[in-house]
C-alpha atoms as a PDB file:
ATOM      1  CA  MET A   1      56.907 143.888   8.529  1.00  0.00           C
ATOM      2  CA  ARG A   2      58.635 144.544   5.212  1.00  0.00           C
ATOM      3  CA  CYS A   3      57.625 146.998   3.136  1.00  0.00           C
ATOM      4  CA  TYR A   4      56.449 144.227   1.072  1.00  0.00           C
ATOM      5  CA  GLU A   5      54.251 143.104   3.294  1.00  0.00           C
ATOM      6  CA  ARG A   6      51.448 145.571   3.500  1.00  0.00           C
ATOM      7  CA  PRO A   7      48.211 144.821   5.492  1.00  0.00           C
ATOM      8  CA  ASP A   8      45.074 145.468   2.872  1.00  0.00           C
ATOM      9  CA  THR A   9      44.191 148.798   4.457  1.00  0.00           C
ATOM     10  CA  VAL A  10      47.850 151.001   3.454  1.00  0.00           C
ATOM     11  CA  GLY A  11      47.105 153.003   0.802  1.00  0.00           C
ATOM     12  CA  VAL A  12      43.395 152.836   0.956  1.00  0.00           C
ATOM     13  CA  MET A  13      42.079 156.135   2.095  1.00  0.00           C
ATOM     14  CA  ASN A  14      39.429 157.067   4.369  1.00  0.00           C
ATOM     15  CA  THR A  15      36.824 158.776   2.295  1.00  0.00           C
ATOM     16  CA  SER A  16      34.545 159.305   5.099  1.00  0.00           C
ATOM     17  CA  LYS A  17      37.100 161.767   6.452  1.00  0.00           C
ATOM     18  CA  LEU A  18      39.423 162.659   3.372  1.00  0.00           C
ATOM     19  CA  ALA A  19      38.856 164.029   0.231  1.00  0.00           C
ATOM     20  CA  ARG A  20      40.954 163.944  -3.107  1.00  0.00           C
ATOM     21  CA  ALA A  21      42.102 167.079  -4.199  1.00  0.00           C
ATOM     22  CA  THR A  22      44.331 167.871  -7.804  1.00  0.00           C
ATOM     23  CA  PHE A  23      45.287 171.402  -8.021  1.00  0.00           C
ATOM     24  CA  VAL A  24      49.004 172.780  -9.744  1.00  0.00           C
ATOM     25  CA  ILE A  25      51.507 174.053  -7.769  1.00  0.00           C
ATOM     26  CA  ASP A  26      54.827 176.087  -8.951  1.00  0.00           C
ATOM     27  CA  ARG A  27      57.944 173.574  -9.452  1.00  0.00           C
ATOM     28  CA  ASP A  28      59.971 175.648  -6.343  1.00  0.00           C
ATOM     29  CA  THR A  29      57.130 174.856  -4.272  1.00  0.00           C
ATOM     30  CA  HIS A  30      56.700 171.392  -4.837  1.00  0.00           C
ATOM     31  CA  ASP A  31      60.416 170.863  -4.691  1.00  0.00           C
ATOM     32  CA  GLN A  32      60.024 172.320  -0.865  1.00  0.00           C
ATOM     33  CA  LEU A  33      57.264 170.744  -0.334  1.00  0.00           C
ATOM     34  CA  LYS A  34      58.893 167.237  -1.060  1.00  0.00           C
ATOM     35  CA  MET A  35      61.796 168.156   1.349  1.00  0.00           C
ATOM     36  CA  ILE A  36      60.022 169.532   4.434  1.00  0.00           C
ATOM     37  CA  SER A  37      58.136 166.567   4.260  1.00  0.00           C
ATOM     38  CA  ARG A  38      60.416 164.155   3.507  1.00  0.00           C
ATOM     39  CA  ARG A  39      62.459 165.716   6.683  1.00  0.00           C
ATOM     40  CA  MET A  40      59.335 165.517   8.584  1.00  0.00           C
ATOM     41  CA  GLY A  41      58.853 161.552   8.010  1.00  0.00           C
ATOM     42  CA  VAL A  42      55.534 162.363   6.629  1.00  0.00           C
ATOM     43  CA  SER A  43      54.004 162.015   3.330  1.00  0.00           C
ATOM     44  CA  ARG A  44      53.187 165.610   1.523  1.00  0.00           C
ATOM     45  CA  SER A  45      49.519 164.953   1.482  1.00  0.00           C
ATOM     46  CA  GLU A  46      49.806 164.522   5.474  1.00  0.00           C
ATOM     47  CA  PHE A  47      51.949 167.489   5.781  1.00  0.00           C
ATOM     48  CA  VAL A  48      49.441 169.470   3.290  1.00  0.00           C
ATOM     49  CA  ARG A  49      46.437 168.694   5.470  1.00  0.00           C
ATOM     50  CA  ASP A  50      48.030 169.449   8.497  1.00  0.00           C
ATOM     51  CA  VAL A  51      49.477 172.632   7.214  1.00  0.00           C
ATOM     52  CA  LEU A  52      46.171 174.237   5.704  1.00  0.00           C
ATOM     53  CA  ALA A  53      43.573 172.444   7.703  1.00  0.00           C
ATOM     54  CA  GLU A  54      43.291 175.500  10.421  1.00  0.00           C
ATOM     55  CA  PRO A  55      43.934 178.561   7.964  1.00  0.00           C
ATOM     56  CA  VAL A  56      41.527 177.756   5.808  1.00  0.00           C
ATOM     57  CA  ALA A  57      38.859 176.747   8.278  1.00  0.00           C
ATOM     58  CA  MET A  58      39.604 180.347   9.844  1.00  0.00           C
ATOM     59  CA  MET A  59      39.480 182.191   6.258  1.00  0.00           C
ATOM     60  CA  ALA A  60      35.893 179.605   5.360  1.00  0.00           C
ATOM     61  CA  GLY A  61      35.052 181.104   8.669  1.00  0.00           C
ATOM     62  CA  TRP A  62      35.699 184.655   7.630  1.00  0.00           C
ATOM     63  CA  MET A  63      34.230 184.837   4.253  1.00  0.00           C
ATOM     64  CA  GLU A  64      31.097 182.977   5.703  1.00  0.00           C
ATOM     65  CA  ALA A  65      30.654 186.046   8.217  1.00  0.00           C
ATOM     66  CA  VAL A  66      30.895 188.469   5.338  1.00  0.00           C
ATOM     67  CA  PRO A  67      27.684 189.959   3.745  1.00  0.00           C
ATOM     68  CA  ASP A  68      26.537 189.437   0.025  1.00  0.00           C
ATOM     69  CA  GLN A  69      26.951 192.945  -0.083  1.00  0.00           C
ATOM     70  CA  PRO A  70      28.893 194.099   2.763  1.00  0.00           C
ATOM     71  CA  THR A  71      29.098 197.685   4.004  1.00  0.00           C
ATOM     72  CA  GLU A  72      31.881 200.149   5.264  1.00  0.00           C
ATOM     73  CA  ALA A  73      31.134 198.674   9.128  1.00  0.00           C
ATOM     74  CA  ASP A  74      31.254 195.558   7.746  1.00  0.00           C
ATOM     75  CA  ALA A  75      35.148 195.536   6.480  1.00  0.00           C
ATOM     76  CA  SER A  76      35.846 197.545   9.452  1.00  0.00           C
ATOM     77  CA  GLN A  77      34.500 194.412  11.809  1.00  0.00           C
ATOM     78  CA  LEU A  78      36.023 191.792   9.521  1.00  0.00           C
ATOM     79  CA  LEU A  79      39.610 193.083   9.865  1.00  0.00           C
ATOM     80  CA  LEU A  80      39.289 193.551  13.603  1.00  0.00           C
ATOM     81  CA  THR A  81      38.660 189.908  13.855  1.00  0.00           C
ATOM     82  CA  LEU A  82      41.081 188.552  11.163  1.00  0.00           C
ATOM     83  CA  ARG A  83      43.635 190.587  13.325  1.00  0.00           C
ATOM     84  CA  SER A  84      42.711 189.342  16.633  1.00  0.00           C
ATOM     85  CA  ASP A  85      42.145 185.729  15.563  1.00  0.00           C
ATOM     86  CA  LEU A  86      45.409 185.461  13.358  1.00  0.00           C
ATOM     87  CA  GLY A  87      47.335 187.195  16.524  1.00  0.00           C
ATOM     88  CA  GLU A  88      45.979 184.359  18.337  1.00  0.00           C
ATOM     89  CA  PHE A  89      46.678 181.959  15.789  1.00  0.00           C
ATOM     90  CA  VAL A  90      50.153 183.203  15.858  1.00  0.00           C
ATOM     91  CA  ASP A  91      50.499 182.979  19.926  1.00  0.00           C
ATOM     92  CA  ARG A  92      48.935 179.111  19.323  1.00  0.00           C
ATOM     93  CA  LYS A  93      51.777 177.779  16.901  1.00  0.00           C
ATOM     94  CA  LEU A  94      54.432 179.574  19.053  1.00  0.00           C
ATOM     95  CA  ASP A  95      53.474 177.926  22.222  1.00  0.00           C
ATOM     96  CA  GLU A  96      53.385 174.843  19.749  1.00  0.00           C
ATOM     97  CA  ILE A  97      56.892 175.345  19.171  1.00  0.00           C
ATOM     98  CA  GLY A  98      57.846 176.316  22.947  1.00  0.00           C
ATOM     99  CA  GLY A  99      57.448 179.496  23.028  1.00  0.00           C
ATOM    100  CA  PRO A 100      58.137 182.910  21.413  1.00  0.00           C
ATOM    101  CA  LEU A 101      61.449 183.984  19.542  1.00  0.00           C
ATOM    102  CA  PRO A 102      63.990 185.725  20.680  1.00  0.00           C
END
């Protein structure tokens, strides 16, 4: 199939799973995002979705766990949770790329 012979579904966003977001980032981040996504062979949107999905879900869980009027104990528990969750996140990502760095 030639690039101009696209099926009707190409370029159509699946709105049951995806939502459009518009935001402004600095020029350097934009250029780096463009370079990384090009080298990985994915769209910038796909790259941003992949990079942000898990960390944003983790952060949302942390924020939902904090009461409206947090106490010192709540803050201490949040820090313990953050340390544990972030450690597990880094370990998972290292496993994905082939183990710990030397």
